[in-house]
Structure formats: C-alpha cells, structure tokens
N, C-alpha and C. Protein backbone atom coordinates (compact mmCIF):
# COMPACT_ATOMS: atom_id res chain seq x y z
N UNK A 1 0.24 -9.02 -11.64
CA UNK A 1 -0.51 -9.46 -10.48
C UNK A 1 0.08 -10.80 -10.02
N UNK A 2 0.29 -10.95 -8.73
CA UNK A 2 0.88 -12.19 -8.22
C UNK A 2 -0.14 -13.33 -8.25
N UNK A 3 0.35 -14.53 -8.11
CA UNK A 3 -0.54 -15.70 -8.09
C UNK A 3 -1.52 -15.61 -6.92
N UNK A 4 -1.06 -15.13 -5.78
CA UNK A 4 -1.95 -15.00 -4.63
C UNK A 4 -3.04 -13.98 -4.92
N UNK A 5 -2.67 -12.85 -5.48
CA UNK A 5 -3.67 -11.83 -5.81
C UNK A 5 -4.67 -12.35 -6.82
N UNK A 6 -4.18 -13.05 -7.83
CA UNK A 6 -5.08 -13.62 -8.84
C UNK A 6 -6.01 -14.66 -8.22
N UNK A 7 -5.47 -15.47 -7.31
CA UNK A 7 -6.29 -16.48 -6.63
C UNK A 7 -7.40 -15.82 -5.83
N UNK A 8 -7.04 -14.78 -5.09
CA UNK A 8 -8.03 -14.07 -4.27
C UNK A 8 -9.07 -13.36 -5.13
N UNK A 9 -8.69 -13.04 -6.37
CA UNK A 9 -9.62 -12.40 -7.29
C UNK A 9 -10.53 -13.41 -7.97
N UNK A 10 -10.31 -14.70 -7.68
CA UNK A 10 -11.20 -15.73 -8.23
C UNK A 10 -10.64 -16.54 -9.38
N UNK A 11 -9.35 -16.42 -9.67
CA UNK A 11 -8.74 -17.17 -10.77
C UNK A 11 -8.36 -18.58 -10.30
N UNK A 12 -9.13 -19.60 -10.69
CA UNK A 12 -8.83 -20.96 -10.21
C UNK A 12 -7.51 -21.51 -10.76
N UNK A 13 -7.10 -21.06 -11.95
CA UNK A 13 -5.83 -21.53 -12.52
C UNK A 13 -4.65 -21.05 -11.68
N UNK A 14 -4.73 -19.85 -11.15
CA UNK A 14 -3.66 -19.33 -10.30
C UNK A 14 -3.56 -20.14 -9.02
N UNK A 15 -4.70 -20.49 -8.46
CA UNK A 15 -4.70 -21.30 -7.24
C UNK A 15 -4.11 -22.69 -7.50
N UNK A 16 -4.47 -23.29 -8.61
CA UNK A 16 -3.90 -24.59 -8.97
C UNK A 16 -2.39 -24.50 -9.19
N UNK A 17 -1.94 -23.39 -9.74
CA UNK A 17 -0.51 -23.21 -9.96
C UNK A 17 0.24 -23.10 -8.63
N UNK A 18 -0.34 -22.41 -7.66
CA UNK A 18 0.29 -22.31 -6.34
C UNK A 18 0.42 -23.70 -5.73
N UNK A 19 -0.65 -24.46 -5.76
CA UNK A 19 -0.62 -25.82 -5.20
C UNK A 19 0.41 -26.67 -5.93
N UNK A 20 0.46 -26.57 -7.25
CA UNK A 20 1.42 -27.35 -8.03
C UNK A 20 2.86 -26.96 -7.68
N UNK A 21 3.12 -25.68 -7.49
CA UNK A 21 4.46 -25.23 -7.13
C UNK A 21 4.90 -25.77 -5.78
N UNK A 22 3.95 -25.94 -4.87
CA UNK A 22 4.28 -26.39 -3.52
C UNK A 22 4.09 -27.90 -3.33
N UNK A 23 3.73 -28.60 -4.39
CA UNK A 23 3.48 -30.04 -4.28
C UNK A 23 4.69 -30.83 -3.76
N UNK A 24 5.93 -30.52 -4.18
CA UNK A 24 7.07 -31.25 -3.61
C UNK A 24 7.18 -31.07 -2.09
N UNK A 25 6.92 -29.87 -1.60
CA UNK A 25 6.95 -29.62 -0.16
C UNK A 25 5.81 -30.35 0.55
N UNK A 26 4.65 -30.36 -0.08
CA UNK A 26 3.50 -31.08 0.49
C UNK A 26 3.82 -32.57 0.61
N UNK A 27 4.43 -33.13 -0.42
CA UNK A 27 4.78 -34.55 -0.40
C UNK A 27 5.79 -34.84 0.71
N UNK A 28 6.78 -33.98 0.86
CA UNK A 28 7.79 -34.17 1.90
C UNK A 28 7.18 -34.07 3.30
N UNK A 29 6.38 -33.06 3.52
CA UNK A 29 5.76 -32.87 4.82
C UNK A 29 4.79 -34.00 5.16
N UNK A 30 4.06 -34.48 4.17
CA UNK A 30 3.06 -35.52 4.42
C UNK A 30 3.72 -36.83 4.86
N UNK A 31 4.97 -37.05 4.48
CA UNK A 31 5.69 -38.25 4.92
C UNK A 31 5.99 -38.22 6.41
N UNK A 32 6.10 -37.02 6.95
CA UNK A 32 6.49 -36.86 8.35
C UNK A 32 5.30 -36.78 9.31
N UNK A 33 4.11 -36.67 8.77
CA UNK A 33 2.93 -36.53 9.62
C UNK A 33 2.45 -37.89 10.10
N UNK A 34 1.82 -37.90 11.25
CA UNK A 34 1.35 -39.16 11.85
C UNK A 34 -0.06 -39.49 11.40
N UNK A 35 -0.22 -39.62 10.12
CA UNK A 35 -1.48 -40.04 9.54
C UNK A 35 -1.17 -40.62 8.18
N UNK A 36 -2.15 -41.23 7.55
CA UNK A 36 -1.92 -41.79 6.22
C UNK A 36 -1.41 -40.69 5.29
N UNK A 37 -0.44 -41.04 4.48
CA UNK A 37 0.23 -40.04 3.65
C UNK A 37 -0.74 -39.27 2.75
N UNK A 38 -1.67 -39.97 2.10
CA UNK A 38 -2.61 -39.27 1.21
C UNK A 38 -3.53 -38.34 1.99
N UNK A 39 -3.95 -38.75 3.18
CA UNK A 39 -4.78 -37.88 4.02
C UNK A 39 -3.99 -36.66 4.48
N UNK A 40 -2.73 -36.89 4.83
CA UNK A 40 -1.88 -35.78 5.27
C UNK A 40 -1.68 -34.78 4.13
N UNK A 41 -1.41 -35.27 2.94
CA UNK A 41 -1.20 -34.39 1.78
C UNK A 41 -2.46 -33.58 1.49
N UNK A 42 -3.61 -34.23 1.55
CA UNK A 42 -4.87 -33.52 1.28
C UNK A 42 -5.14 -32.47 2.36
N UNK A 43 -4.83 -32.79 3.60
CA UNK A 43 -4.99 -31.82 4.68
C UNK A 43 -4.10 -30.61 4.46
N UNK A 44 -2.86 -30.85 4.05
CA UNK A 44 -1.94 -29.74 3.78
C UNK A 44 -2.43 -28.89 2.61
N UNK A 45 -2.91 -29.52 1.56
CA UNK A 45 -3.44 -28.77 0.42
C UNK A 45 -4.63 -27.90 0.83
N UNK A 46 -5.52 -28.48 1.62
CA UNK A 46 -6.70 -27.76 2.07
C UNK A 46 -6.32 -26.54 2.90
N UNK A 47 -5.36 -26.71 3.81
CA UNK A 47 -4.90 -25.59 4.65
C UNK A 47 -4.22 -24.53 3.79
N UNK A 48 -3.43 -24.97 2.81
CA UNK A 48 -2.75 -24.03 1.93
C UNK A 48 -3.77 -23.18 1.17
N UNK A 49 -4.77 -23.82 0.61
CA UNK A 49 -5.81 -23.09 -0.12
C UNK A 49 -6.52 -22.11 0.80
N UNK A 50 -6.81 -22.54 2.01
CA UNK A 50 -7.44 -21.65 2.98
C UNK A 50 -6.58 -20.44 3.29
N UNK A 51 -5.28 -20.65 3.44
CA UNK A 51 -4.38 -19.53 3.72
C UNK A 51 -4.27 -18.57 2.54
N UNK A 52 -4.20 -19.13 1.33
CA UNK A 52 -4.09 -18.29 0.14
C UNK A 52 -5.35 -17.43 -0.03
N UNK A 53 -6.51 -18.03 0.19
CA UNK A 53 -7.76 -17.31 -0.04
C UNK A 53 -8.18 -16.43 1.12
N UNK A 54 -7.48 -16.55 2.24
CA UNK A 54 -7.80 -15.73 3.42
C UNK A 54 -7.57 -14.26 3.11
N UNK A 55 -8.46 -13.44 3.59
CA UNK A 55 -8.33 -12.01 3.38
C UNK A 55 -7.09 -11.51 4.12
N UNK A 56 -6.31 -10.63 3.48
CA UNK A 56 -5.13 -10.11 4.17
C UNK A 56 -5.50 -9.28 5.39
N UNK A 57 -4.70 -9.38 6.42
CA UNK A 57 -4.93 -8.63 7.67
C UNK A 57 -4.58 -7.17 7.43
N UNK A 58 -5.45 -6.29 7.84
CA UNK A 58 -5.21 -4.86 7.69
C UNK A 58 -5.11 -4.22 9.06
N UNK A 59 -4.14 -3.33 9.22
CA UNK A 59 -3.97 -2.61 10.49
C UNK A 59 -4.84 -1.40 10.53
C-alpha cells in the first residue's frame, strides 16, 4: 500500500512520512514566497496534507 493510500486510510505515520520526504522542497519553496518563511512553510504543509487526504476524483 502506498503512503498516500495509507494516509487516506487513517495512518498518521504515513502522512508524517510524506511531509518529511517533501520537507526539503517545502523549505526551498518557502524561501521564495512573499511571507514570513515559517508561515509559508506551514501553509505549504497544510496544503500538502489537504491534497494527500483529498478523495481521489472518479470519472
């Protein structure tokens, strides 16, 4: 089972692992945003978690 699937199934450790894997990218992106770096990083983490937990689109 992928980390995304495990996260959607309610596994908080899988969700933390996804965030940890993307932390270098979050840090890089937060430097480029026009807001305080820590606020930018937290905003990116929050959006990432929302995207991971979002129900997949079905046709």
